[in-house]
């Protein structure tokens, strides 16, 4: 069915990301392209780091708004 189809591995994607980072931090790109790429990369790293910390140390679960608690006794 798809004999001629070759899928990229996750290492190919990691290699492409590393090449993009190398280009962004080296002098191959003009400054007006390089600086926004660096800023986007740092922003992504900080966002993922904060997301990992929230998942790691666990935020308290939010209360279900459909459940109403009252002090009255129920029989």
C-alpha atoms as a PDB file:
ATOM      1  CA  UNK A   1       0.000   0.000   0.000  1.00  0.00           C
ATOM      2  CA  UNK A   2       2.649   2.585   1.006  1.00  0.00           C
ATOM      3  CA  UNK A   3       5.854   0.798   0.074  1.00  0.00           C
ATOM      4  CA  UNK A   4       7.678   3.916  -1.139  1.00  0.00           C
ATOM      5  CA  UNK A   5       6.807   5.996   1.941  1.00  0.00           C
ATOM      6  CA  UNK A   6       9.569   6.661   4.462  1.00  0.00           C
ATOM      7  CA  UNK A   7       8.692   8.324   7.752  1.00  0.00           C
ATOM      8  CA  UNK A   8      11.120  10.570   9.580  1.00  0.00           C
ATOM      9  CA  UNK A   9      12.235   9.462  12.993  1.00  0.00           C
ATOM     10  CA  UNK A  10      12.104  11.603  16.101  1.00  0.00           C
ATOM     11  CA  UNK A  11      15.888  11.974  15.842  1.00  0.00           C
ATOM     12  CA  UNK A  12      15.500  13.662  12.444  1.00  0.00           C
ATOM     13  CA  UNK A  13      13.229  16.258  14.034  1.00  0.00           C
ATOM     14  CA  UNK A  14      15.688  16.776  16.891  1.00  0.00           C
ATOM     15  CA  UNK A  15      18.508  17.207  14.366  1.00  0.00           C
ATOM     16  CA  UNK A  16      16.483  19.833  12.489  1.00  0.00           C
ATOM     17  CA  UNK A  17      15.780  21.731  15.719  1.00  0.00           C
ATOM     18  CA  UNK A  18      19.463  21.687  16.645  1.00  0.00           C
ATOM     19  CA  UNK A  19      20.386  22.992  13.174  1.00  0.00           C
ATOM     20  CA  UNK A  20      17.845  25.807  13.535  1.00  0.00           C
ATOM     21  CA  UNK A  21      19.275  26.703  16.942  1.00  0.00           C
ATOM     22  CA  UNK A  22      22.792  26.670  15.527  1.00  0.00           C
ATOM     23  CA  UNK A  23      21.763  28.999  12.699  1.00  0.00           C
ATOM     24  CA  UNK A  24      19.911  31.287  15.107  1.00  0.00           C
ATOM     25  CA  UNK A  25      22.872  31.636  17.445  1.00  0.00           C
ATOM     26  CA  UNK A  26      25.602  31.826  14.824  1.00  0.00           C
ATOM     27  CA  UNK A  27      26.181  34.613  12.317  1.00  0.00           C
ATOM     28  CA  UNK A  28      24.500  32.881   9.344  1.00  0.00           C
ATOM     29  CA  UNK A  29      21.246  34.815   9.679  1.00  0.00           C
ATOM     30  CA  UNK A  30      20.660  38.562   9.694  1.00  0.00           C
ATOM     31  CA  UNK A  31      19.962  40.154  13.081  1.00  0.00           C
ATOM     32  CA  UNK A  32      16.316  40.905  12.299  1.00  0.00           C
ATOM     33  CA  UNK A  33      15.715  37.146  11.877  1.00  0.00           C
ATOM     34  CA  UNK A  34      18.147  35.846  14.505  1.00  0.00           C
ATOM     35  CA  UNK A  35      16.901  37.839  17.512  1.00  0.00           C
ATOM     36  CA  UNK A  36      13.201  36.919  17.182  1.00  0.00           C
ATOM     37  CA  UNK A  37      14.184  33.243  16.770  1.00  0.00           C
ATOM     38  CA  UNK A  38      16.275  33.372  19.925  1.00  0.00           C
ATOM     39  CA  UNK A  39      13.461  35.148  21.800  1.00  0.00           C
ATOM     40  CA  UNK A  40      10.908  32.576  20.637  1.00  0.00           C
ATOM     41  CA  UNK A  41      13.181  29.724  21.696  1.00  0.00           C
ATOM     42  CA  UNK A  42      13.762  31.178  25.150  1.00  0.00           C
ATOM     43  CA  UNK A  43      10.044  31.849  25.560  1.00  0.00           C
ATOM     44  CA  UNK A  44       9.222  28.265  24.588  1.00  0.00           C
ATOM     45  CA  UNK A  45      11.834  26.873  26.982  1.00  0.00           C
ATOM     46  CA  UNK A  46      10.513  28.960  29.893  1.00  0.00           C
ATOM     47  CA  UNK A  47       6.910  28.024  29.106  1.00  0.00           C
ATOM     48  CA  UNK A  48       7.706  24.308  28.969  1.00  0.00           C
ATOM     49  CA  UNK A  49       9.776  24.548  32.143  1.00  0.00           C
ATOM     50  CA  UNK A  50       6.930  26.185  34.035  1.00  0.00           C
ATOM     51  CA  UNK A  51       4.463  23.635  32.675  1.00  0.00           C
ATOM     52  CA  UNK A  52       6.731  20.825  33.856  1.00  0.00           C
ATOM     53  CA  UNK A  53       7.089  22.388  37.309  1.00  0.00           C
ATOM     54  CA  UNK A  54       3.310  22.733  37.660  1.00  0.00           C
ATOM     55  CA  UNK A  55       2.830  19.107  36.669  1.00  0.00           C
ATOM     56  CA  UNK A  56       5.698  17.934  38.892  1.00  0.00           C
ATOM     57  CA  UNK A  57       4.698  19.677  42.087  1.00  0.00           C
ATOM     58  CA  UNK A  58       0.974  19.573  41.361  1.00  0.00           C
ATOM     59  CA  UNK A  59      -1.413  22.426  41.611  1.00  0.00           C
ATOM     60  CA  UNK A  60      -4.409  21.782  43.828  1.00  0.00           C
ATOM     61  CA  UNK A  61      -7.337  20.691  41.668  1.00  0.00           C
ATOM     62  CA  UNK A  62      -9.985  23.310  41.117  1.00  0.00           C
ATOM     63  CA  UNK A  63     -13.335  22.715  42.738  1.00  0.00           C
ATOM     64  CA  UNK A  64     -16.134  21.473  40.498  1.00  0.00           C
ATOM     65  CA  UNK A  65     -18.478  24.452  39.994  1.00  0.00           C
ATOM     66  CA  UNK A  66     -21.509  22.169  39.609  1.00  0.00           C
ATOM     67  CA  UNK A  67     -21.155  20.913  43.204  1.00  0.00           C
ATOM     68  CA  UNK A  68     -22.524  23.318  45.783  1.00  0.00           C
ATOM     69  CA  UNK A  69     -21.499  22.854  49.361  1.00  0.00           C
ATOM     70  CA  UNK A  70     -23.712  24.081  52.175  1.00  0.00           C
ATOM     71  CA  UNK A  71     -23.638  23.865  55.940  1.00  0.00           C
ATOM     72  CA  UNK A  72     -27.151  22.447  56.228  1.00  0.00           C
ATOM     73  CA  UNK A  73     -27.524  18.841  57.283  1.00  0.00           C
ATOM     74  CA  UNK A  74     -29.021  16.416  54.822  1.00  0.00           C
ATOM     75  CA  UNK A  75     -31.125  13.449  55.963  1.00  0.00           C
END
